[in-house]
C-alpha atoms as a PDB file:
ATOM      1  CA  MET A   1      14.609  25.412  15.379  1.00  0.00           C
ATOM      2  CA  THR A   2      11.589  25.033  13.702  1.00  0.00           C
ATOM      3  CA  ILE A   3       9.324  22.393  15.583  1.00  0.00           C
ATOM      4  CA  ALA A   4       9.745  20.472  11.960  1.00  0.00           C
ATOM      5  CA  GLN A   5      13.420  20.509  12.171  1.00  0.00           C
ATOM      6  CA  GLN A   6      13.035  19.685  15.600  1.00  0.00           C
ATOM      7  CA  ILE A   7      11.106  16.611  14.438  1.00  0.00           C
ATOM      8  CA  ASN A   8      13.100  15.691  11.740  1.00  0.00           C
ATOM      9  CA  GLY A   9      16.594  15.647  14.077  1.00  0.00           C
ATOM     10  CA  ALA A  10      14.855  12.955  16.371  1.00  0.00           C
ATOM     11  CA  LEU A  11      13.834  11.336  13.207  1.00  0.00           C
ATOM     12  CA  ARG A  12      16.964  11.301  12.175  1.00  0.00           C
ATOM     13  CA  ARG A  13      17.980   9.417  14.973  1.00  0.00           C
ATOM     14  CA  PHE A  14      15.492   6.617  15.003  1.00  0.00           C
ATOM     15  CA  PRO A  15      16.463   3.868  13.230  1.00  0.00           C
ATOM     16  CA  THR A  16      13.769   2.107  10.440  1.00  0.00           C
ATOM     17  CA  TRP A  17      14.326  -1.682  11.492  1.00  0.00           C
ATOM     18  CA  PRO A  18      11.667  -1.125  14.046  1.00  0.00           C
ATOM     19  CA  ILE A  19       9.040  -0.273  11.081  1.00  0.00           C
ATOM     20  CA  TYR A  20       8.838  -3.893   9.762  1.00  0.00           C
ATOM     21  CA  ILE A  21       8.654  -5.420  13.329  1.00  0.00           C
ATOM     22  CA  VAL A  22       5.763  -3.098  14.257  1.00  0.00           C
ATOM     23  CA  GLY A  23       4.415  -3.379  11.099  1.00  0.00           C
ATOM     24  CA  GLY A  24       3.867  -6.755  10.705  1.00  0.00           C
ATOM     25  CA  LEU A  25       2.608  -7.318  14.315  1.00  0.00           C
ATOM     26  CA  PRO A  26      -0.777  -6.902  13.371  1.00  0.00           C
ATOM     27  CA  ALA A  27      -0.973  -9.592  11.087  1.00  0.00           C
ATOM     28  CA  PHE A  28      -0.529 -11.526  13.607  1.00  0.00           C
ATOM     29  CA  TRP A  29      -3.645  -9.912  15.715  1.00  0.00           C
ATOM     30  CA  TYR A  30      -5.599 -10.646  12.758  1.00  0.00           C
ATOM     31  CA  LEU A  31      -4.553 -14.097  12.639  1.00  0.00           C
ATOM     32  CA  TYR A  32      -5.588 -14.169  16.365  1.00  0.00           C
ATOM     33  CA  LEU A  33      -9.120 -12.735  15.501  1.00  0.00           C
ATOM     34  CA  GLY A  34      -9.978 -15.303  12.851  1.00  0.00           C
ATOM     35  CA  LEU A  35      -9.635 -18.364  14.986  1.00  0.00           C
ATOM     36  CA  THR A  36     -11.094 -17.386  17.990  1.00  0.00           C
ATOM     37  CA  GLY A  37     -14.283 -15.524  16.238  1.00  0.00           C
ATOM     38  CA  GLY A  38     -13.082 -11.812  16.223  1.00  0.00           C
ATOM     39  CA  LEU A  39     -13.966 -11.071  12.863  1.00  0.00           C
ATOM     40  CA  GLY A  40     -17.508 -12.018  12.358  1.00  0.00           C
ATOM     41  CA  VAL A  41     -19.230 -15.679  11.070  1.00  0.00           C
ATOM     42  CA  GLU A  42     -16.643 -15.814   7.362  1.00  0.00           C
ATOM     43  CA  PRO A  43     -13.556 -15.636   9.110  1.00  0.00           C
ATOM     44  CA  ILE A  44     -11.277 -16.035   6.257  1.00  0.00           C
ATOM     45  CA  LYS A  45     -12.991 -13.149   4.017  1.00  0.00           C
ATOM     46  CA  GLY A  46     -12.932 -11.492   7.653  1.00  0.00           C
ATOM     47  CA  LEU A  47      -9.404 -12.201   7.394  1.00  0.00           C
ATOM     48  CA  GLU A  48      -8.960 -11.415   3.851  1.00  0.00           C
ATOM     49  CA  HIS A  49     -10.652  -7.633   4.148  1.00  0.00           C
ATOM     50  CA  ALA A  50      -8.715  -6.779   6.866  1.00  0.00           C
ATOM     51  CA  LEU A  51      -5.263  -7.357   5.311  1.00  0.00           C
ATOM     52  CA  GLY A  52      -5.904  -5.982   2.161  1.00  0.00           C
ATOM     53  CA  GLU A  53      -7.659  -2.892   4.348  1.00  0.00           C
ATOM     54  CA  PHE A  54      -4.666  -2.598   6.175  1.00  0.00           C
ATOM     55  CA  GLY A  55      -2.359  -2.550   2.967  1.00  0.00           C
ATOM     56  CA  LEU A  56      -4.793   0.116   1.484  1.00  0.00           C
ATOM     57  CA  LYS A  57      -4.380   2.108   4.705  1.00  0.00           C
ATOM     58  CA  LEU A  58      -0.349   1.499   4.529  1.00  0.00           C
ATOM     59  CA  PHE A  59      -0.696   2.673   0.873  1.00  0.00           C
ATOM     60  CA  VAL A  60      -2.234   6.101   1.627  1.00  0.00           C
ATOM     61  CA  ILE A  61       0.926   6.544   4.441  1.00  0.00           C
ATOM     62  CA  VAL A  62       3.228   6.060   1.644  1.00  0.00           C
ATOM     63  CA  LEU A  63       1.656   8.306  -0.676  1.00  0.00           C
ATOM     64  CA  ALA A  64       1.486  11.158   2.026  1.00  0.00           C
ATOM     65  CA  VAL A  65       5.178  11.088   2.763  1.00  0.00           C
ATOM     66  CA  THR A  66       6.040  13.664   0.167  1.00  0.00           C
ATOM     67  CA  PRO A  67       2.930  16.283   0.558  1.00  0.00           C
ATOM     68  CA  LEU A  68       3.891  16.251   4.214  1.00  0.00           C
ATOM     69  CA  ARG A  69       7.409  17.205   4.038  1.00  0.00           C
ATOM     70  CA  THR A  70       6.120  20.144   1.582  1.00  0.00           C
ATOM     71  CA  LEU A  71       3.041  21.519   3.829  1.00  0.00           C
ATOM     72  CA  THR A  72       4.933  21.052   6.967  1.00  0.00           C
ATOM     73  CA  GLY A  73       8.593  20.972   6.497  1.00  0.00           C
ATOM     74  CA  ILE A  74       8.036  16.867   8.206  1.00  0.00           C
ATOM     75  CA  SER A  75      10.159  14.238   6.283  1.00  0.00           C
ATOM     76  CA  LEU A  76       9.408  10.560   6.562  1.00  0.00           C
ATOM     77  CA  LEU A  77      11.577   9.609   3.300  1.00  0.00           C
ATOM     78  CA  ARG A  78      14.105   7.426   4.972  1.00  0.00           C
ATOM     79  CA  PHE A  79      10.597   4.867   6.381  1.00  0.00           C
ATOM     80  CA  ARG A  80       9.392   5.057   3.110  1.00  0.00           C
ATOM     81  CA  ARG A  81      10.834   2.240   1.453  1.00  0.00           C
ATOM     82  CA  ALA A  82       9.766   0.481   4.372  1.00  0.00           C
ATOM     83  CA  LEU A  83       6.067   1.086   4.885  1.00  0.00           C
ATOM     84  CA  GLY A  84       6.661   0.626   0.729  1.00  0.00           C
ATOM     85  CA  LEU A  85       7.761  -2.967   1.646  1.00  0.00           C
ATOM     86  CA  LEU A  86       4.911  -3.345   4.305  1.00  0.00           C
ATOM     87  CA  VAL A  87       2.214  -2.669   1.401  1.00  0.00           C
ATOM     88  CA  PHE A  88       3.641  -5.683  -0.831  1.00  0.00           C
ATOM     89  CA  TYR A  89       3.623  -7.850   2.685  1.00  0.00           C
ATOM     90  CA  TYR A  90      -0.333  -7.006   3.856  1.00  0.00           C
ATOM     91  CA  ILE A  91      -1.562  -7.590   0.473  1.00  0.00           C
ATOM     92  CA  THR A  92       0.689 -10.296  -0.190  1.00  0.00           C
ATOM     93  CA  LEU A  93      -1.122 -11.952   2.178  1.00  0.00           C
ATOM     94  CA  HIS A  94      -4.522 -10.789   1.447  1.00  0.00           C
ATOM     95  CA  LEU A  95      -3.840 -12.823  -1.960  1.00  0.00           C
ATOM     96  CA  LEU A  96      -3.020 -15.892   0.197  1.00  0.00           C
ATOM     97  CA  VAL A  97      -5.646 -16.324   1.633  1.00  0.00           C
ATOM     98  CA  TRP A  98      -7.942 -15.461  -0.943  1.00  0.00           C
ATOM     99  CA  LEU A  99      -6.051 -18.244  -2.931  1.00  0.00           C
ATOM    100  CA  PHE A 100      -5.172 -20.898  -0.067  1.00  0.00           C
ATOM    101  CA  LEU A 101      -8.738 -20.468   2.264  1.00  0.00           C
ATOM    102  CA  ASP A 102     -10.643 -19.435  -0.127  1.00  0.00           C
ATOM    103  CA  VAL A 103     -10.994 -20.021  -3.278  1.00  0.00           C
ATOM    104  CA  GLN A 104      -8.902 -23.449  -2.558  1.00  0.00           C
ATOM    105  CA  ILE A 105     -10.133 -25.321  -5.524  1.00  0.00           C
ATOM    106  CA  TRP A 106      -6.688 -24.168  -8.449  1.00  0.00           C
ATOM    107  CA  SER A 107      -9.009 -24.489 -11.570  1.00  0.00           C
ATOM    108  CA  GLN A 108     -11.438 -21.485 -10.145  1.00  0.00           C
ATOM    109  CA  ILE A 109      -8.244 -19.123  -9.753  1.00  0.00           C
ATOM    110  CA  TRP A 110      -7.452 -17.769 -13.350  1.00  0.00           C
ATOM    111  CA  ALA A 111     -11.673 -17.818 -14.500  1.00  0.00           C
ATOM    112  CA  ASP A 112     -12.441 -15.765 -11.430  1.00  0.00           C
ATOM    113  CA  ILE A 113      -9.885 -13.365 -12.323  1.00  0.00           C
ATOM    114  CA  LEU A 114     -10.556 -13.239 -15.638  1.00  0.00           C
ATOM    115  CA  LYS A 115     -14.860 -13.317 -15.076  1.00  0.00           C
ATOM    116  CA  ARG A 116     -14.810 -10.905 -11.896  1.00  0.00           C
ATOM    117  CA  PRO A 117     -13.423  -7.295 -13.098  1.00  0.00           C
ATOM    118  CA  TYR A 118     -12.623  -6.648  -9.117  1.00  0.00           C
ATOM    119  CA  ILE A 119     -10.164  -9.315  -9.165  1.00  0.00           C
ATOM    120  CA  THR A 120      -8.250  -8.497 -12.573  1.00  0.00           C
ATOM    121  CA  ILE A 121      -8.406  -4.912 -10.636  1.00  0.00           C
ATOM    122  CA  GLY A 122      -6.796  -6.189  -7.994  1.00  0.00           C
ATOM    123  CA  MET A 123      -4.480  -8.631  -9.669  1.00  0.00           C
ATOM    124  CA  ALA A 124      -3.413  -5.909 -11.920  1.00  0.00           C
ATOM    125  CA  GLY A 125      -2.627  -3.856  -9.283  1.00  0.00           C
ATOM    126  CA  PHE A 126      -0.706  -7.047  -7.206  1.00  0.00           C
ATOM    127  CA  VAL A 127       1.796  -7.191  -9.881  1.00  0.00           C
ATOM    128  CA  LEU A 128       3.120  -3.094 -10.829  1.00  0.00           C
ATOM    129  CA  MET A 129       3.851  -4.505  -6.556  1.00  0.00           C
ATOM    130  CA  ILE A 130       6.139  -7.022  -7.757  1.00  0.00           C
ATOM    131  CA  PRO A 131       8.962  -4.924  -9.653  1.00  0.00           C
ATOM    132  CA  LEU A 132       8.569  -2.117  -6.530  1.00  0.00           C
ATOM    133  CA  ALA A 133       9.403  -4.908  -3.975  1.00  0.00           C
ATOM    134  CA  LEU A 134      12.121  -6.823  -6.059  1.00  0.00           C
ATOM    135  CA  THR A 135      14.443  -3.121  -6.937  1.00  0.00           C
ATOM    136  CA  SER A 136      13.327  -1.922  -3.373  1.00  0.00           C
ATOM    137  CA  ASN A 137      16.744  -2.104  -2.288  1.00  0.00           C
ATOM    138  CA  ASN A 138      19.911   0.151  -2.455  1.00  0.00           C
ATOM    139  CA  TRP A 139      21.861  -2.608  -4.891  1.00  0.00           C
ATOM    140  CA  SER A 140      18.939  -2.402  -7.254  1.00  0.00           C
ATOM    141  CA  LEU A 141      19.116   1.731  -6.965  1.00  0.00           C
ATOM    142  CA  ARG A 142      22.893   1.902  -7.925  1.00  0.00           C
ATOM    143  CA  LYS A 143      22.446  -0.370 -10.488  1.00  0.00           C
ATOM    144  CA  MET A 144      19.634   1.385 -12.201  1.00  0.00           C
ATOM    145  CA  GLY A 145      20.953   4.264 -11.367  1.00  0.00           C
ATOM    146  CA  ALA A 146      18.637   6.896  -9.333  1.00  0.00           C
ATOM    147  CA  MET A 147      16.647   8.935 -12.155  1.00  0.00           C
ATOM    148  CA  ARG A 148      15.522   5.389 -13.753  1.00  0.00           C
ATOM    149  CA  TRP A 149      15.193   4.195 -10.349  1.00  0.00           C
ATOM    150  CA  ARG A 150      12.432   6.987  -9.393  1.00  0.00           C
ATOM    151  CA  LEU A 151      10.810   6.180 -12.476  1.00  0.00           C
ATOM    152  CA  TRP A 152      10.416   2.406 -12.067  1.00  0.00           C
ATOM    153  CA  HIS A 153       8.766   3.276  -8.498  1.00  0.00           C
ATOM    154  CA  LYS A 154       6.218   5.371 -10.464  1.00  0.00           C
ATOM    155  CA  LEU A 155       4.659   2.625 -11.029  1.00  0.00           C
ATOM    156  CA  THR A 156       3.277   3.001  -7.540  1.00  0.00           C
ATOM    157  CA  TYR A 157       0.882   5.306  -8.021  1.00  0.00           C
ATOM    158  CA  PRO A 158      -0.820   3.212 -10.307  1.00  0.00           C
ATOM    159  CA  ALA A 159      -0.882   0.371  -8.220  1.00  0.00           C
ATOM    160  CA  ALA A 160      -2.257   2.344  -5.147  1.00  0.00           C
ATOM    161  CA  ILE A 161      -5.267   3.621  -7.641  1.00  0.00           C
ATOM    162  CA  LEU A 162      -6.314  -0.032  -8.869  1.00  0.00           C
ATOM    163  CA  GLY A 163      -6.173  -1.246  -5.367  1.00  0.00           C
ATOM    164  CA  SER A 164      -9.091   1.267  -4.460  1.00  0.00           C
ATOM    165  CA  VAL A 165     -10.706   0.598  -7.637  1.00  0.00           C
ATOM    166  CA  HIS A 166     -10.632  -2.884  -6.213  1.00  0.00           C
ATOM    167  CA  TYR A 167     -11.405  -1.793  -2.991  1.00  0.00           C
ATOM    168  CA  VAL A 168     -14.527   0.011  -3.892  1.00  0.00           C
ATOM    169  CA  MET A 169     -15.861  -2.159  -6.972  1.00  0.00           C
ATOM    170  CA  LEU A 170     -15.737  -5.406  -4.137  1.00  0.00           C
ATOM    171  CA  VAL A 171     -18.627  -4.191  -1.037  1.00  0.00           C
ATOM    172  CA  LYS A 172     -22.104  -4.673  -2.691  1.00  0.00           C
ATOM    173  CA  GLY A 173     -23.000  -1.036  -2.597  1.00  0.00           C
ATOM    174  CA  TRP A 174     -21.784   2.043  -2.541  1.00  0.00           C
ATOM    175  CA  GLN A 175     -20.299   2.034   0.501  1.00  0.00           C
ATOM    176  CA  ILE A 176     -18.787   5.259   1.964  1.00  0.00           C
ATOM    177  CA  GLU A 177     -15.505   4.032   3.497  1.00  0.00           C
ATOM    178  CA  PRO A 178     -14.137   2.309  -0.237  1.00  0.00           C
ATOM    179  CA  LEU A 179     -14.800   6.032  -1.954  1.00  0.00           C
ATOM    180  CA  LEU A 180     -12.800   8.068   1.093  1.00  0.00           C
ATOM    181  CA  TYR A 181     -10.189   5.237   0.483  1.00  0.00           C
ATOM    182  CA  LEU A 182     -10.163   6.038  -3.437  1.00  0.00           C
ATOM    183  CA  ALA A 183     -10.415  10.548  -3.035  1.00  0.00           C
ATOM    184  CA  THR A 184      -7.851  10.223  -0.686  1.00  0.00           C
ATOM    185  CA  ILE A 185      -5.151   7.676  -2.945  1.00  0.00           C
ATOM    186  CA  LEU A 186      -6.611  10.531  -6.105  1.00  0.00           C
ATOM    187  CA  THR A 187      -6.254  13.514  -3.339  1.00  0.00           C
ATOM    188  CA  LEU A 188      -2.980  12.896  -2.623  1.00  0.00           C
ATOM    189  CA  LEU A 189      -1.610  12.427  -6.079  1.00  0.00           C
ATOM    190  CA  ALA A 190      -3.520  15.612  -7.503  1.00  0.00           C
ATOM    191  CA  LEU A 191      -1.676  16.981  -5.132  1.00  0.00           C
ATOM    192  CA  ARG A 192       1.936  15.679  -6.427  1.00  0.00           C
ATOM    193  CA  ILE A 193       0.833  16.441  -9.761  1.00  0.00           C
ATOM    194  CA  ARG A 194       0.367  20.128  -9.144  1.00  0.00           C
ATOM    195  CA  TRP A 195       3.415  20.608  -7.349  1.00  0.00           C
ATOM    196  CA  ASN A 196       5.280  19.337  -9.845  1.00  0.00           C
ATOM    197  CA  ARG A 197       3.601  21.353 -12.776  1.00  0.00           C
ATOM    198  CA  VAL A 198       4.921  24.793 -10.183  1.00  0.00           C
ATOM    199  CA  ARG A 199       7.934  23.050 -10.046  1.00  0.00           C
ATOM    200  CA  VAL A 200       8.875  22.608 -13.552  1.00  0.00           C
ATOM    201  CA  ALA A 201       7.513  26.437 -14.068  1.00  0.00           C
ATOM    202  CA  ALA A 202       9.204  27.796 -11.911  1.00  0.00           C
END
């Protein structure tokens, strides 16, 4: 038995529900830091940024599940749904902080979405995530059918790209960290495209 098979065997005995609990805890930690001055001189902006970046990190993990299985044989597929819902959870919190704590003036929100390209792109990515979250359940899979469900969930890819572009445009200047997220996401997607072409050609 290979190491990958041993790891997969252990993972099959691990339930998925702790992923939701453990994955949701950092949000409360960021809130605590914001309330106690741990997120800098602008705690609302700091909280907004921390939640959005954590969601982007989880997005990278979700996209890495298939390449990890292809390259190493280790499969995290049974945890991908939980991780994907956690992405939506953090991006929703990121949006709510912006709406209720940052902007606050509701008449200004629509103007910001239309006038600021980075907000437009971020909102577009969030909108793409809504049907993904709503159909991330067994009932939707049965109703839609496996093929249609998988096709629908390819919205994950443009949503991830839009999220990383939003981060790149959000920061001032060309900072390395947002560019690394964008490069990582594009690389993971490029690997999927390449392997799919090889599979089709075979």
